[in-house]
Amino acid sequence: MGIAQVKRIIHRSCVLALLFVILLTGSVQAGFYLPRVQELVVPILGVSVDPTRRPVGVVSRVIIHFEKRTDRKGLRVQYGTTPGRFSLLARQSIYQAIVRASKRAQLSTDSWTVTVIFPYSGLTLYGKSLSAMVALSVVALAKGDSILQGRALTGTITEDGHIGKVGGVPLKVQAAYARHLRRVLIPQEYDVRDGDWRVPFLMQVSPVNTVDEAYFGLTGAHLHASIEAR
């Protein structure tokens, strides 16, 4: 191969590289680019049964992927079917909670895609007490806030922006204590079926009434700008 031929190959490669950069830059300016997907793994408090069929508290994890699309075609919430699955009630409650939490935070969800994954093979996540934790974690991703380490929330989100009551709170708190979570946020409204119970030694359990209080407890940040400005 002669020197002239080598020079032609180098020149051609440089031209192709330049064209690629120009095309990529133009695509970004025109809004055609791969959106950045954010990921968050959050603790979920629940109730299951042991081998003797007695109810026990459990701490599991849920993986949340969050993406802001370039279109505004509405909120999309997707649920992984592997490794684990979500029951119909769990899916419905998560979607509803995201809508209510984002409304309270004064955020538009028109360009959001949320994917929720239960990373436990062959298991199905039932109930709706995970919905507030998932929804406020999605809002945190949208706002750029972080869920503080060792904190978890159990409850639902009501239409008027409160944390709705759920059952099994004493069992969930015990499970969180065993897994060394530092602080558990629970609904201020008490489920009488739970009876009387004691908070484990050195465990911080915080009853919260509103979505705003729960968000501040999870992140240390305020839910929307009008509060932050005060």
Protein backbone atom coordinates (compact mmCIF):
# COMPACT_ATOMS: atom_id res chain seq x y z
CA MET A 1 0.00 0.00 0.00
CA GLY A 2 1.50 3.33 -1.05
CA ILE A 3 1.74 6.53 0.99
CA ALA A 4 -0.85 8.27 -1.23
CA GLN A 5 -3.38 5.49 -0.64
CA VAL A 6 -2.81 5.63 3.13
CA LYS A 7 -3.40 9.38 3.08
CA ARG A 8 -6.66 8.91 1.16
CA ILE A 9 -7.89 6.35 3.74
CA ILE A 10 -7.01 8.67 6.65
CA HIS A 11 -8.72 11.61 4.94
CA ARG A 12 -11.86 9.54 4.28
CA SER A 13 -11.97 8.40 7.94
CA CYS A 14 -11.68 11.98 9.18
CA VAL A 15 -14.50 13.11 6.90
CA LEU A 16 -16.76 10.29 8.13
CA ALA A 17 -15.98 11.12 11.76
CA LEU A 18 -16.76 14.79 11.13
CA LEU A 19 -20.05 13.92 9.47
CA PHE A 20 -21.00 11.73 12.43
CA VAL A 21 -20.36 14.58 14.87
CA ILE A 22 -22.40 17.00 12.75
CA LEU A 23 -25.31 14.57 12.50
CA LEU A 24 -25.22 13.86 16.22
CA THR A 25 -25.14 17.55 17.10
CA GLY A 26 -28.00 18.29 14.75
CA SER A 27 -30.06 15.47 16.20
CA VAL A 28 -29.60 16.76 19.74
CA GLN A 29 -30.52 20.30 18.69
CA ALA A 30 -33.61 19.00 16.92
CA GLY A 31 -34.66 17.07 20.03
CA PHE A 32 -33.86 13.59 18.67
CA TYR A 33 -31.67 11.96 21.28
CA LEU A 34 -31.68 9.04 23.65
CA PRO A 35 -33.26 10.23 26.93
CA ARG A 36 -31.39 9.56 30.15
CA VAL A 37 -33.03 6.88 32.27
CA GLN A 38 -32.62 7.34 36.02
CA GLU A 39 -32.75 4.40 38.40
CA LEU A 40 -33.59 4.15 42.09
CA VAL A 41 -33.84 1.12 44.37
CA VAL A 42 -36.16 1.67 47.33
CA PRO A 43 -37.17 -0.44 50.35
CA ILE A 44 -40.75 -1.68 50.51
CA LEU A 45 -42.40 -2.77 53.77
CA GLY A 46 -44.93 -5.56 53.58
CA VAL A 47 -46.54 -8.50 55.36
CA SER A 48 -46.21 -12.16 54.42
CA VAL A 49 -46.63 -15.48 56.25
CA ASP A 50 -44.02 -17.81 57.72
CA PRO A 51 -44.00 -21.63 57.29
CA THR A 52 -46.51 -21.93 60.14
CA ARG A 53 -48.86 -19.49 58.38
CA ARG A 54 -48.29 -16.75 60.92
CA PRO A 55 -48.10 -13.19 59.58
CA VAL A 56 -44.63 -11.64 59.56
CA GLY A 57 -43.24 -8.33 58.37
CA VAL A 58 -40.90 -8.28 55.39
CA VAL A 59 -38.62 -5.74 53.76
CA SER A 60 -38.13 -6.14 50.02
CA ARG A 61 -36.83 -3.87 47.26
CA VAL A 62 -38.38 -2.31 44.22
CA ILE A 63 -36.40 -0.92 41.29
CA ILE A 64 -37.75 2.26 39.68
CA HIS A 65 -36.67 3.53 36.26
CA PHE A 66 -37.62 7.11 35.41
CA GLU A 67 -37.39 8.76 32.02
CA LYS A 68 -38.50 12.15 30.69
CA ARG A 69 -39.49 11.75 27.05
CA THR A 70 -39.35 14.46 24.40
CA ASP A 71 -43.07 14.15 23.66
CA ARG A 72 -45.99 15.07 25.92
CA LYS A 73 -48.29 12.13 25.24
CA GLY A 74 -49.12 11.44 28.86
CA LEU A 75 -47.89 9.44 31.82
CA ARG A 76 -46.77 5.89 31.10
CA VAL A 77 -46.30 3.46 33.98
CA GLN A 78 -44.90 0.05 33.09
CA TYR A 79 -44.61 -2.96 35.39
CA GLY A 80 -41.98 -5.64 34.97
CA THR A 81 -43.27 -9.18 34.68
CA THR A 82 -39.88 -10.71 35.44
CA PRO A 83 -38.25 -11.64 37.74
CA GLY A 84 -41.27 -10.88 39.97
CA ARG A 85 -44.74 -9.53 39.24
CA PHE A 86 -47.20 -6.97 40.61
CA SER A 87 -50.82 -7.77 41.39
CA LEU A 88 -53.56 -5.77 39.67
CA LEU A 89 -54.31 -3.91 42.91
CA ALA A 90 -50.63 -3.02 43.36
CA ARG A 91 -50.39 -1.71 39.78
CA GLN A 92 -53.55 0.37 40.09
CA SER A 93 -52.53 1.86 43.43
CA ILE A 94 -49.03 2.78 42.19
CA TYR A 95 -50.41 4.59 39.14
CA GLN A 96 -52.99 6.43 41.21
CA ALA A 97 -50.42 7.44 43.81
CA ILE A 98 -48.01 8.80 41.17
CA VAL A 99 -50.79 10.94 39.70
CA ARG A 100 -51.81 12.28 43.12
CA ALA A 101 -48.25 12.89 44.37
CA SER A 102 -47.18 14.70 41.20
CA LYS A 103 -50.28 16.87 41.34
CA ARG A 104 -49.47 17.79 44.91
CA ALA A 105 -45.89 18.58 43.85
CA GLN A 106 -47.19 20.75 40.99
CA LEU A 107 -45.37 18.65 38.40
CA SER A 108 -46.63 17.69 34.94
CA THR A 109 -46.40 13.97 34.19
CA ASP A 110 -47.14 14.29 30.45
CA SER A 111 -43.61 13.30 29.42
CA TRP A 112 -42.88 10.71 32.11
CA THR A 113 -42.23 7.02 31.60
CA VAL A 114 -41.96 5.06 34.85
CA THR A 115 -40.97 1.40 34.97
CA VAL A 116 -41.34 -0.51 38.24
CA ILE A 117 -39.57 -3.85 38.74
CA PHE A 118 -39.92 -6.40 41.57
CA PRO A 119 -36.56 -8.23 41.46
CA TYR A 120 -37.59 -11.51 43.11
CA SER A 121 -38.00 -14.48 40.82
CA GLY A 122 -41.39 -16.18 40.90
CA LEU A 123 -42.93 -13.85 43.51
CA THR A 124 -45.88 -11.48 43.20
CA LEU A 125 -46.19 -8.24 45.15
CA TYR A 126 -49.71 -7.73 46.46
CA GLY A 127 -51.50 -4.87 48.19
CA LYS A 128 -51.32 -1.12 47.95
CA SER A 129 -49.25 -0.06 50.96
CA LEU A 130 -46.16 0.28 48.72
CA SER A 131 -47.84 2.92 46.56
CA ALA A 132 -46.89 6.03 48.54
CA MET A 133 -43.23 4.98 48.76
CA VAL A 134 -43.04 4.29 45.04
CA ALA A 135 -44.89 7.46 44.06
CA LEU A 136 -42.78 9.79 46.21
CA SER A 137 -39.62 8.10 44.96
CA VAL A 138 -40.75 8.87 41.39
CA VAL A 139 -41.35 12.50 42.35
CA ALA A 140 -37.87 12.62 43.91
CA LEU A 141 -36.36 11.36 40.64
CA ALA A 142 -38.30 13.99 38.69
CA LYS A 143 -37.16 16.78 41.03
CA GLY A 144 -33.56 15.62 41.37
CA ASP A 145 -33.88 14.89 45.09
CA SER A 146 -32.56 11.79 46.86
CA ILE A 147 -34.25 9.34 49.19
CA LEU A 148 -32.24 9.45 52.40
CA GLN A 149 -30.52 6.20 53.26
CA GLY A 150 -32.28 3.90 55.71
CA ARG A 151 -35.74 5.48 55.37
CA ALA A 152 -38.98 3.87 54.27
CA LEU A 153 -42.68 4.74 54.09
CA THR A 154 -45.75 2.53 54.24
CA GLY A 155 -49.16 3.87 53.20
CA THR A 156 -51.29 5.03 50.32
CA ILE A 157 -51.94 8.52 48.94
CA THR A 158 -55.48 9.78 49.20
CA GLU A 159 -57.20 12.04 46.70
CA ASP A 160 -56.86 15.04 49.03
CA GLY A 161 -53.11 14.56 49.48
CA HIS A 162 -52.94 12.63 52.74
CA ILE A 163 -51.12 9.41 53.62
CA GLY A 164 -53.84 6.77 53.86
CA LYS A 165 -53.89 4.15 56.58
CA VAL A 166 -52.69 0.57 56.02
CA GLY A 167 -52.59 -2.54 58.16
CA GLY A 168 -49.73 -4.56 59.58
CA VAL A 169 -47.73 -1.54 60.72
CA PRO A 170 -46.25 -3.19 63.87
CA LEU A 171 -45.00 -6.16 61.82
CA LYS A 172 -43.52 -3.86 59.18
CA VAL A 173 -41.73 -1.78 61.80
CA GLN A 174 -40.24 -4.91 63.38
CA ALA A 175 -39.03 -6.09 59.96
CA ALA A 176 -37.50 -2.67 59.25
CA TYR A 177 -35.74 -2.78 62.62
CA ALA A 178 -34.32 -6.23 61.86
CA ARG A 179 -33.00 -4.91 58.52
CA HIS A 180 -31.40 -1.90 60.24
CA LEU A 181 -33.54 0.77 58.62
CA ARG A 182 -33.14 3.99 60.58
CA ARG A 183 -36.52 5.62 60.21
CA VAL A 184 -39.96 4.40 59.18
CA LEU A 185 -42.74 6.78 58.20
CA ILE A 186 -46.23 5.48 58.93
CA PRO A 187 -49.72 6.94 58.38
CA GLN A 188 -50.91 9.17 61.18
CA GLU A 189 -54.33 7.58 60.85
CA TYR A 190 -54.19 4.40 62.90
CA ASP A 191 -55.64 1.04 61.85
CA VAL A 192 -57.37 -0.22 65.02
CA ARG A 193 -56.86 -3.84 63.91
CA ASP A 194 -53.15 -3.44 64.65
CA GLY A 195 -53.84 -3.08 68.36
CA ASP A 196 -51.28 -1.70 70.80
CA TRP A 197 -47.58 -2.11 70.02
CA ARG A 198 -44.19 -0.82 71.08
CA VAL A 199 -41.56 0.88 69.01
CA PRO A 200 -38.28 -1.08 68.98
CA PHE A 201 -35.40 0.41 70.99
CA LEU A 202 -33.63 3.24 69.12
CA MET A 203 -35.99 2.88 66.15
CA GLN A 204 -37.42 6.16 64.84
CA VAL A 205 -41.05 5.78 63.80
CA SER A 206 -42.68 8.95 62.47
CA PRO A 207 -46.44 9.27 61.89
CA VAL A 208 -47.11 11.55 58.91
CA ASN A 209 -50.40 13.05 57.85
CA THR A 210 -49.80 14.64 54.45
CA VAL A 211 -47.84 13.88 51.31
CA ASP A 212 -45.75 16.98 52.00
CA GLU A 213 -44.72 15.68 55.43
CA ALA A 214 -43.92 12.23 54.04
CA TYR A 215 -41.79 13.66 51.24
CA PHE A 216 -39.82 15.82 53.64
CA GLY A 217 -39.30 12.84 55.92
CA LEU A 218 -37.98 10.71 53.05
CA THR A 219 -35.81 13.31 51.32
CA GLY A 220 -35.23 16.25 53.65
CA ALA A 221 -36.54 18.47 50.81
CA HIS A 222 -39.85 20.22 50.33
CA LEU A 223 -42.36 18.88 47.86
CA HIS A 224 -42.83 22.02 45.79
CA ALA A 225 -41.17 25.37 45.20
CA SER A 226 -43.77 27.53 46.95
CA ILE A 227 -42.89 25.89 50.26
CA GLU A 228 -39.13 26.12 49.64
CA ALA A 229 -39.43 29.87 49.03
CA ARG A 230 -40.89 30.58 52.48
